Amino acid sequence: MVVLYTSLLLLLTGASVLIRRRASALEKKYTAVLKEANTLLYNSPREGNSNRSDPYQTAKKNYQLGVLAQKKDCLEARHYVWQERADRLRGWLKAVRAWKGRKFPYVVGALDTVAALCVLEYLGLGEYTNPRHLVELFTSWLSS
């Protein structure tokens, strides 16, 4: 029982940590691109003394802003997907931890026992783990 329940908890915890790390990394990339876009948008160098703007500089700035906007949108969508997965997995982990002491560990314990008996049967030790044989052995110990 404890083995399968703990294994399930470890599996969910490990997956949760990895997915949260991925979401966090995407969030850091997103904030870096957003910061770069804001820097380009608000801290652009001043143009010369004339009232006319340079069309090449304006086109270059707009192109760079467009590229950064596409990157930002892509990273935002990917971050949203991974954050949603992390939240869903965190909910599953919370639910499994709440099952402690309820029906689930007992069901897992029964499955664990059946699996152990199947392994013993496969190894050729089934005649010693047969319930009838064990009862006879136990009663022989009591009567001796």
N, C-alpha and C. Protein backbone atom coordinates (compact mmCIF):
# COMPACT_ATOMS: atom_id res chain seq x y z
N MET A 1 0.83 -1.18 0.00
CA MET A 1 0.00 0.00 0.00
C MET A 1 0.87 1.25 0.00
N VAL A 2 1.77 1.27 0.91
CA VAL A 2 2.58 2.46 1.06
C VAL A 2 3.46 2.66 -0.17
N VAL A 3 3.92 1.58 -0.75
CA VAL A 3 4.82 1.69 -1.89
C VAL A 3 4.12 2.33 -3.08
N LEU A 4 2.95 1.86 -3.44
CA LEU A 4 2.26 2.41 -4.61
C LEU A 4 1.75 3.84 -4.35
N TYR A 5 1.25 4.07 -3.15
CA TYR A 5 0.74 5.41 -2.81
C TYR A 5 1.89 6.42 -2.82
N THR A 6 3.01 6.03 -2.22
CA THR A 6 4.17 6.92 -2.20
C THR A 6 4.73 7.11 -3.61
N SER A 7 4.73 6.05 -4.39
CA SER A 7 5.20 6.17 -5.78
C SER A 7 4.33 7.13 -6.58
N LEU A 8 3.02 7.03 -6.39
CA LEU A 8 2.12 7.95 -7.07
C LEU A 8 2.37 9.39 -6.64
N LEU A 9 2.55 9.60 -5.34
CA LEU A 9 2.84 10.94 -4.85
C LEU A 9 4.16 11.47 -5.40
N LEU A 10 5.18 10.62 -5.43
CA LEU A 10 6.47 11.04 -5.97
C LEU A 10 6.38 11.36 -7.46
N LEU A 11 5.65 10.54 -8.19
CA LEU A 11 5.48 10.77 -9.62
C LEU A 11 4.77 12.10 -9.87
N LEU A 12 3.68 12.33 -9.16
CA LEU A 12 2.93 13.58 -9.34
C LEU A 12 3.75 14.79 -8.89
N THR A 13 4.48 14.64 -7.79
CA THR A 13 5.29 15.75 -7.30
C THR A 13 6.41 16.09 -8.28
N GLY A 14 7.08 15.06 -8.79
CA GLY A 14 8.14 15.30 -9.77
C GLY A 14 7.63 15.95 -11.03
N ALA A 15 6.51 15.46 -11.54
CA ALA A 15 5.92 16.05 -12.74
C ALA A 15 5.49 17.49 -12.47
N SER A 16 4.95 17.73 -11.29
CA SER A 16 4.51 19.08 -10.95
C SER A 16 5.69 20.04 -10.89
N VAL A 17 6.80 19.60 -10.30
CA VAL A 17 7.99 20.44 -10.21
C VAL A 17 8.53 20.76 -11.61
N LEU A 18 8.61 19.75 -12.46
CA LEU A 18 9.14 19.97 -13.80
C LEU A 18 8.25 20.90 -14.62
N ILE A 19 6.95 20.73 -14.51
CA ILE A 19 6.04 21.57 -15.28
C ILE A 19 6.03 23.00 -14.75
N ARG A 20 6.11 23.15 -13.42
CA ARG A 20 6.18 24.51 -12.86
C ARG A 20 7.47 25.21 -13.28
N ARG A 21 8.59 24.46 -13.34
CA ARG A 21 9.85 25.04 -13.78
C ARG A 21 9.74 25.51 -15.23
N ARG A 22 9.09 24.71 -16.07
CA ARG A 22 8.92 25.09 -17.48
C ARG A 22 8.07 26.35 -17.58
N ALA A 23 7.00 26.41 -16.82
CA ALA A 23 6.14 27.60 -16.85
C ALA A 23 6.90 28.82 -16.34
N SER A 24 7.71 28.63 -15.33
CA SER A 24 8.49 29.74 -14.78
C SER A 24 9.54 30.23 -15.79
N ALA A 25 10.18 29.30 -16.49
CA ALA A 25 11.16 29.69 -17.50
C ALA A 25 10.50 30.47 -18.63
N LEU A 26 9.33 30.02 -19.05
CA LEU A 26 8.61 30.75 -20.10
C LEU A 26 8.18 32.12 -19.63
N GLU A 27 7.82 32.23 -18.36
CA GLU A 27 7.44 33.53 -17.81
C GLU A 27 8.64 34.48 -17.81
N LYS A 28 9.82 33.96 -17.47
CA LYS A 28 11.02 34.80 -17.48
C LYS A 28 11.35 35.27 -18.89
N LYS A 29 11.22 34.37 -19.87
CA LYS A 29 11.46 34.76 -21.26
C LYS A 29 10.45 35.82 -21.70
N TYR A 30 9.19 35.62 -21.29
CA TYR A 30 8.13 36.57 -21.66
C TYR A 30 8.43 37.96 -21.08
N THR A 31 8.83 38.01 -19.82
CA THR A 31 9.11 39.31 -19.21
C THR A 31 10.33 39.97 -19.85
N ALA A 32 11.32 39.15 -20.26
CA ALA A 32 12.49 39.72 -20.93
C ALA A 32 12.11 40.34 -22.26
N VAL A 33 11.28 39.65 -23.04
CA VAL A 33 10.83 40.19 -24.33
C VAL A 33 9.97 41.42 -24.12
N LEU A 34 9.12 41.40 -23.11
CA LEU A 34 8.27 42.56 -22.82
C LEU A 34 9.11 43.77 -22.41
N LYS A 35 10.14 43.52 -21.61
CA LYS A 35 11.03 44.60 -21.19
C LYS A 35 11.79 45.18 -22.39
N GLU A 36 12.23 44.30 -23.29
CA GLU A 36 12.92 44.75 -24.49
C GLU A 36 12.00 45.57 -25.39
N ALA A 37 10.75 45.14 -25.50
CA ALA A 37 9.79 45.89 -26.32
C ALA A 37 9.50 47.25 -25.71
N ASN A 38 9.35 47.30 -24.40
CA ASN A 38 9.10 48.59 -23.75
C ASN A 38 10.30 49.52 -23.89
N THR A 39 11.51 48.95 -23.78
CA THR A 39 12.70 49.76 -23.95
C THR A 39 12.76 50.34 -25.36
N LEU A 40 12.48 49.51 -26.34
CA LEU A 40 12.51 49.98 -27.73
C LEU A 40 11.42 51.01 -27.99
N LEU A 41 10.28 50.83 -27.36
CA LEU A 41 9.15 51.72 -27.61
C LEU A 41 9.34 53.08 -26.95
N TYR A 42 9.78 53.09 -25.69
CA TYR A 42 9.81 54.34 -24.94
C TYR A 42 11.19 55.00 -24.86
N ASN A 43 12.24 54.26 -25.02
CA ASN A 43 13.58 54.83 -24.88
C ASN A 43 14.31 54.88 -26.21
N SER A 44 13.61 55.17 -27.26
CA SER A 44 14.26 55.26 -28.57
C SER A 44 15.05 56.57 -28.63
N PRO A 45 16.15 56.56 -29.36
CA PRO A 45 16.96 57.78 -29.43
C PRO A 45 16.21 58.91 -30.15
N ARG A 46 16.50 60.10 -29.72
CA ARG A 46 15.86 61.27 -30.34
C ARG A 46 16.40 61.48 -31.75
N GLU A 47 15.52 62.00 -32.56
CA GLU A 47 15.93 62.27 -33.93
C GLU A 47 16.64 63.62 -33.99
N GLY A 48 17.10 63.98 -35.16
CA GLY A 48 17.88 65.21 -35.34
C GLY A 48 17.10 66.47 -35.02
N ASN A 49 17.64 67.59 -35.46
CA ASN A 49 17.05 68.90 -35.17
C ASN A 49 15.87 69.25 -36.05
N SER A 50 15.64 68.51 -37.10
CA SER A 50 14.56 68.86 -38.01
C SER A 50 13.23 68.33 -37.47
N ASN A 51 12.14 68.91 -38.01
CA ASN A 51 10.82 68.47 -37.61
C ASN A 51 10.40 67.18 -38.30
N ARG A 52 11.07 66.84 -39.38
CA ARG A 52 10.73 65.63 -40.12
C ARG A 52 11.40 64.41 -39.49
N SER A 53 10.65 63.31 -39.47
CA SER A 53 11.23 62.08 -38.94
C SER A 53 11.86 61.30 -40.08
N ASP A 54 12.82 60.49 -39.73
CA ASP A 54 13.50 59.68 -40.74
C ASP A 54 12.63 58.45 -41.03
N PRO A 55 12.15 58.29 -42.26
CA PRO A 55 11.25 57.16 -42.55
C PRO A 55 11.93 55.80 -42.38
N TYR A 56 13.23 55.73 -42.62
CA TYR A 56 13.93 54.46 -42.47
C TYR A 56 14.03 54.05 -41.00
N GLN A 57 14.33 55.02 -40.16
CA GLN A 57 14.40 54.73 -38.73
C GLN A 57 13.02 54.35 -38.19
N THR A 58 11.99 55.02 -38.65
CA THR A 58 10.63 54.70 -38.22
C THR A 58 10.23 53.30 -38.68
N ALA A 59 10.56 52.97 -39.94
CA ALA A 59 10.23 51.64 -40.46
C ALA A 59 10.99 50.55 -39.70
N LYS A 60 12.27 50.82 -39.43
CA LYS A 60 13.08 49.84 -38.69
C LYS A 60 12.52 49.63 -37.28
N LYS A 61 12.15 50.72 -36.63
CA LYS A 61 11.59 50.63 -35.27
C LYS A 61 10.27 49.87 -35.29
N ASN A 62 9.41 50.15 -36.28
CA ASN A 62 8.13 49.44 -36.37
C ASN A 62 8.32 47.96 -36.66
N TYR A 63 9.30 47.65 -37.51
CA TYR A 63 9.59 46.24 -37.80
C TYR A 63 10.07 45.51 -36.54
N GLN A 64 10.99 46.14 -35.82
CA GLN A 64 11.49 45.52 -34.59
C GLN A 64 10.38 45.36 -33.55
N LEU A 65 9.52 46.33 -33.45
CA LEU A 65 8.39 46.22 -32.53
C LEU A 65 7.44 45.09 -32.96
N GLY A 66 7.23 44.95 -34.25
CA GLY A 66 6.38 43.87 -34.74
C GLY A 66 6.96 42.49 -34.43
N VAL A 67 8.27 42.34 -34.62
CA VAL A 67 8.93 41.07 -34.31
C VAL A 67 8.82 40.77 -32.82
N LEU A 68 9.06 41.78 -32.01
CA LEU A 68 8.95 41.58 -30.55
C LEU A 68 7.52 41.29 -30.13
N ALA A 69 6.56 41.90 -30.80
CA ALA A 69 5.16 41.63 -30.47
C ALA A 69 4.80 40.19 -30.81
N GLN A 70 5.30 39.68 -31.94
CA GLN A 70 5.04 38.28 -32.29
C GLN A 70 5.69 37.33 -31.28
N LYS A 71 6.92 37.63 -30.89
CA LYS A 71 7.59 36.80 -29.88
C LYS A 71 6.81 36.81 -28.57
N LYS A 72 6.37 38.01 -28.19
CA LYS A 72 5.63 38.16 -26.93
C LYS A 72 4.34 37.36 -26.96
N ASP A 73 3.61 37.44 -28.05
CA ASP A 73 2.36 36.70 -28.17
C ASP A 73 2.58 35.20 -28.11
N CYS A 74 3.61 34.73 -28.80
CA CYS A 74 3.92 33.30 -28.81
C CYS A 74 4.31 32.82 -27.41
N LEU A 75 5.18 33.57 -26.75
CA LEU A 75 5.59 33.19 -25.40
C LEU A 75 4.44 33.27 -24.40
N GLU A 76 3.58 34.25 -24.59
CA GLU A 76 2.42 34.38 -23.69
C GLU A 76 1.49 33.18 -23.83
N ALA A 77 1.25 32.74 -25.05
CA ALA A 77 0.38 31.58 -25.27
C ALA A 77 1.01 30.31 -24.71
N ARG A 78 2.30 30.12 -24.95
CA ARG A 78 2.97 28.93 -24.42
C ARG A 78 3.00 28.95 -22.90
N HIS A 79 3.26 30.11 -22.30
CA HIS A 79 3.26 30.22 -20.85
C HIS A 79 1.88 29.91 -20.27
N TYR A 80 0.85 30.40 -20.93
CA TYR A 80 -0.50 30.15 -20.45
C TYR A 80 -0.82 28.64 -20.46
N VAL A 81 -0.41 27.95 -21.52
CA VAL A 81 -0.66 26.51 -21.62
C VAL A 81 0.08 25.75 -20.52
N TRP A 82 1.36 26.08 -20.33
CA TRP A 82 2.14 25.36 -19.31
C TRP A 82 1.68 25.71 -17.90
N GLN A 83 1.26 26.95 -17.68
CA GLN A 83 0.75 27.34 -16.36
C GLN A 83 -0.56 26.61 -16.07
N GLU A 84 -1.39 26.46 -17.08
CA GLU A 84 -2.65 25.71 -16.92
C GLU A 84 -2.36 24.26 -16.56
N ARG A 85 -1.38 23.65 -17.22
CA ARG A 85 -1.00 22.28 -16.89
C ARG A 85 -0.48 22.18 -15.47
N ALA A 86 0.34 23.14 -15.07
CA ALA A 86 0.89 23.13 -13.71
C ALA A 86 -0.22 23.26 -12.66
N ASP A 87 -1.18 24.13 -12.92
CA ASP A 87 -2.29 24.30 -11.98
C ASP A 87 -3.14 23.04 -11.89
N ARG A 88 -3.40 22.41 -13.04
CA ARG A 88 -4.19 21.18 -13.05
C ARG A 88 -3.47 20.06 -12.30
N LEU A 89 -2.18 19.92 -12.52
CA LEU A 89 -1.40 18.89 -11.84
C LEU A 89 -1.30 19.17 -10.35
N ARG A 90 -1.21 20.44 -9.98
CA ARG A 90 -1.18 20.80 -8.56
C ARG A 90 -2.50 20.42 -7.89
N GLY A 91 -3.61 20.57 -8.62
CA GLY A 91 -4.91 20.16 -8.09
C GLY A 91 -5.00 18.65 -7.91
N TRP A 92 -4.46 17.89 -8.89
CA TRP A 92 -4.44 16.44 -8.75
C TRP A 92 -3.61 16.01 -7.55
N LEU A 93 -2.46 16.66 -7.39
CA LEU A 93 -1.58 16.32 -6.26
C LEU A 93 -2.26 16.63 -4.94
N LYS A 94 -2.95 17.74 -4.88
CA LYS A 94 -3.68 18.11 -3.67
C LYS A 94 -4.78 17.09 -3.38
N ALA A 95 -5.46 16.63 -4.42
CA ALA A 95 -6.52 15.65 -4.24
C ALA A 95 -5.96 14.31 -3.76
N VAL A 96 -4.82 13.89 -4.31
CA VAL A 96 -4.22 12.61 -3.89
C VAL A 96 -3.73 12.71 -2.46
N ARG A 97 -3.18 13.85 -2.09
CA ARG A 97 -2.75 14.03 -0.69
C ARG A 97 -3.95 14.04 0.26
N ALA A 98 -5.08 14.51 -0.21
CA ALA A 98 -6.29 14.53 0.62
C ALA A 98 -6.87 13.13 0.79
N TRP A 99 -6.49 12.20 -0.09
CA TRP A 99 -6.99 10.82 -0.01
C TRP A 99 -6.33 10.04 1.11
N LYS A 100 -5.29 10.60 1.72
CA LYS A 100 -4.55 9.88 2.75
C LYS A 100 -5.50 9.49 3.88
N GLY A 101 -5.54 8.20 4.17
CA GLY A 101 -6.40 7.71 5.23
C GLY A 101 -7.81 7.42 4.78
N ARG A 102 -8.09 7.56 3.51
CA ARG A 102 -9.42 7.27 2.99
C ARG A 102 -9.37 6.00 2.15
N LYS A 103 -10.29 5.85 1.24
CA LYS A 103 -10.42 4.61 0.48
C LYS A 103 -9.23 4.33 -0.44
N PHE A 104 -8.68 5.34 -1.05
CA PHE A 104 -7.65 5.13 -2.05
C PHE A 104 -6.43 4.36 -1.52
N PRO A 105 -5.87 4.72 -0.38
CA PRO A 105 -4.71 3.94 0.09
C PRO A 105 -5.05 2.48 0.36
N TYR A 106 -6.26 2.20 0.79
CA TYR A 106 -6.63 0.82 1.05
C TYR A 106 -6.77 0.03 -0.26
N VAL A 107 -7.31 0.67 -1.27
CA VAL A 107 -7.41 0.02 -2.58
C VAL A 107 -6.01 -0.22 -3.14
N VAL A 108 -5.16 0.77 -3.01
CA VAL A 108 -3.78 0.62 -3.48
C VAL A 108 -3.07 -0.46 -2.68
N GLY A 109 -3.35 -0.54 -1.39
CA GLY A 109 -2.76 -1.59 -0.57
C GLY A 109 -3.19 -2.98 -1.03
N ALA A 110 -4.45 -3.11 -1.38
CA ALA A 110 -4.94 -4.40 -1.88
C ALA A 110 -4.26 -4.74 -3.21
N LEU A 111 -4.12 -3.75 -4.07
CA LEU A 111 -3.42 -3.99 -5.34
C LEU A 111 -1.96 -4.33 -5.11
N ASP A 112 -1.36 -3.69 -4.14
CA ASP A 112 0.04 -3.97 -3.79
C ASP A 112 0.19 -5.41 -3.30
N THR A 113 -0.74 -5.87 -2.48
CA THR A 113 -0.70 -7.24 -1.97
C THR A 113 -0.90 -8.25 -3.10
N VAL A 114 -1.85 -7.98 -3.96
CA VAL A 114 -2.09 -8.88 -5.10
C VAL A 114 -0.87 -8.93 -6.00
N ALA A 115 -0.23 -7.79 -6.23
CA ALA A 115 0.97 -7.76 -7.06
C ALA A 115 2.10 -8.55 -6.43
N ALA A 116 2.26 -8.43 -5.11
CA ALA A 116 3.30 -9.20 -4.42
C ALA A 116 3.02 -10.69 -4.50
N LEU A 117 1.77 -11.09 -4.34
CA LEU A 117 1.42 -12.50 -4.45
C LEU A 117 1.62 -13.02 -5.87
N CYS A 118 1.33 -12.20 -6.87
CA CYS A 118 1.56 -12.61 -8.26
C CYS A 118 3.05 -12.80 -8.53
N VAL A 119 3.87 -11.93 -7.98
CA VAL A 119 5.32 -12.08 -8.15
C VAL A 119 5.81 -13.36 -7.49
N LEU A 120 5.31 -13.65 -6.28
CA LEU A 120 5.69 -14.88 -5.59
C LEU A 120 5.23 -16.11 -6.37
N GLU A 121 4.05 -16.04 -6.95
CA GLU A 121 3.55 -17.15 -7.76
C GLU A 121 4.41 -17.32 -9.01
N TYR A 122 4.81 -16.24 -9.61
CA TYR A 122 5.65 -16.29 -10.81
C TYR A 122 7.02 -16.90 -10.49
N LEU A 123 7.53 -16.60 -9.30
CA LEU A 123 8.83 -17.12 -8.90
C LEU A 123 8.78 -18.58 -8.45
N GLY A 124 7.59 -19.16 -8.40
CA GLY A 124 7.45 -20.56 -8.02
C GLY A 124 7.23 -20.79 -6.54
N LEU A 125 6.93 -19.75 -5.82
CA LEU A 125 6.69 -19.86 -4.38
C LEU A 125 5.20 -19.85 -4.06
N GLY A 126 4.36 -20.14 -5.03
CA GLY A 126 2.91 -20.06 -4.85
C GLY A 126 2.37 -21.10 -3.89
N GLU A 127 3.01 -22.27 -3.85
CA GLU A 127 2.50 -23.31 -2.95
C GLU A 127 2.70 -22.92 -1.48
N TYR A 128 3.70 -22.11 -1.21
CA TYR A 128 3.95 -21.67 0.17
C TYR A 128 3.09 -20.48 0.56
N THR A 129 2.63 -19.74 -0.41
CA THR A 129 1.78 -18.57 -0.12
C THR A 129 0.31 -18.86 -0.33
N ASN A 130 -0.03 -20.10 -0.60
CA ASN A 130 -1.42 -20.51 -0.76
C ASN A 130 -2.13 -20.33 0.59
N PRO A 131 -3.28 -19.67 0.62
CA PRO A 131 -3.96 -19.43 1.90
C PRO A 131 -4.29 -20.72 2.67
N ARG A 132 -4.67 -21.77 1.98
CA ARG A 132 -4.98 -23.03 2.65
C ARG A 132 -3.73 -23.59 3.33
N HIS A 133 -2.62 -23.53 2.64
CA HIS A 133 -1.36 -24.01 3.20
C HIS A 133 -0.96 -23.16 4.41
N LEU A 134 -1.14 -21.87 4.32
CA LEU A 134 -0.77 -20.99 5.44
C LEU A 134 -1.65 -21.25 6.66
N VAL A 135 -2.95 -21.51 6.46
CA VAL A 135 -3.84 -21.81 7.59
C VAL A 135 -3.43 -23.12 8.24
N GLU A 136 -3.12 -24.13 7.44
CA GLU A 136 -2.69 -25.42 7.99
C GLU A 136 -1.38 -25.27 8.76
N LEU A 137 -0.46 -24.47 8.23
CA LEU A 137 0.81 -24.24 8.91
C LEU A 137 0.60 -23.54 10.23
N PHE A 138 -0.27 -22.53 10.23
CA PHE A 138 -0.54 -21.79 11.45
C PHE A 138 -1.22 -22.66 12.51
N THR A 139 -2.20 -23.47 12.09
CA THR A 139 -2.87 -24.35 13.06
C THR A 139 -1.93 -25.43 13.57
N SER A 140 -0.99 -25.88 12.76
CA SER A 140 -0.03 -26.87 13.23
C SER A 140 0.90 -26.26 14.27
N TRP A 141 1.23 -24.98 14.10
CA TRP A 141 2.06 -24.32 15.11
C TRP A 141 1.30 -24.17 16.42
N LEU A 142 0.01 -23.86 16.33
CA LEU A 142 -0.79 -23.68 17.54
C LEU A 142 -1.01 -25.00 18.27
N SER A 143 -1.19 -26.09 17.53
CA SER A 143 -1.48 -27.37 18.16
C SER A 143 -0.22 -28.03 18.70
N SER A 144 0.95 -27.62 18.25
CA SER A 144 2.21 -28.25 18.71
C SER A 144 2.61 -27.80 20.06
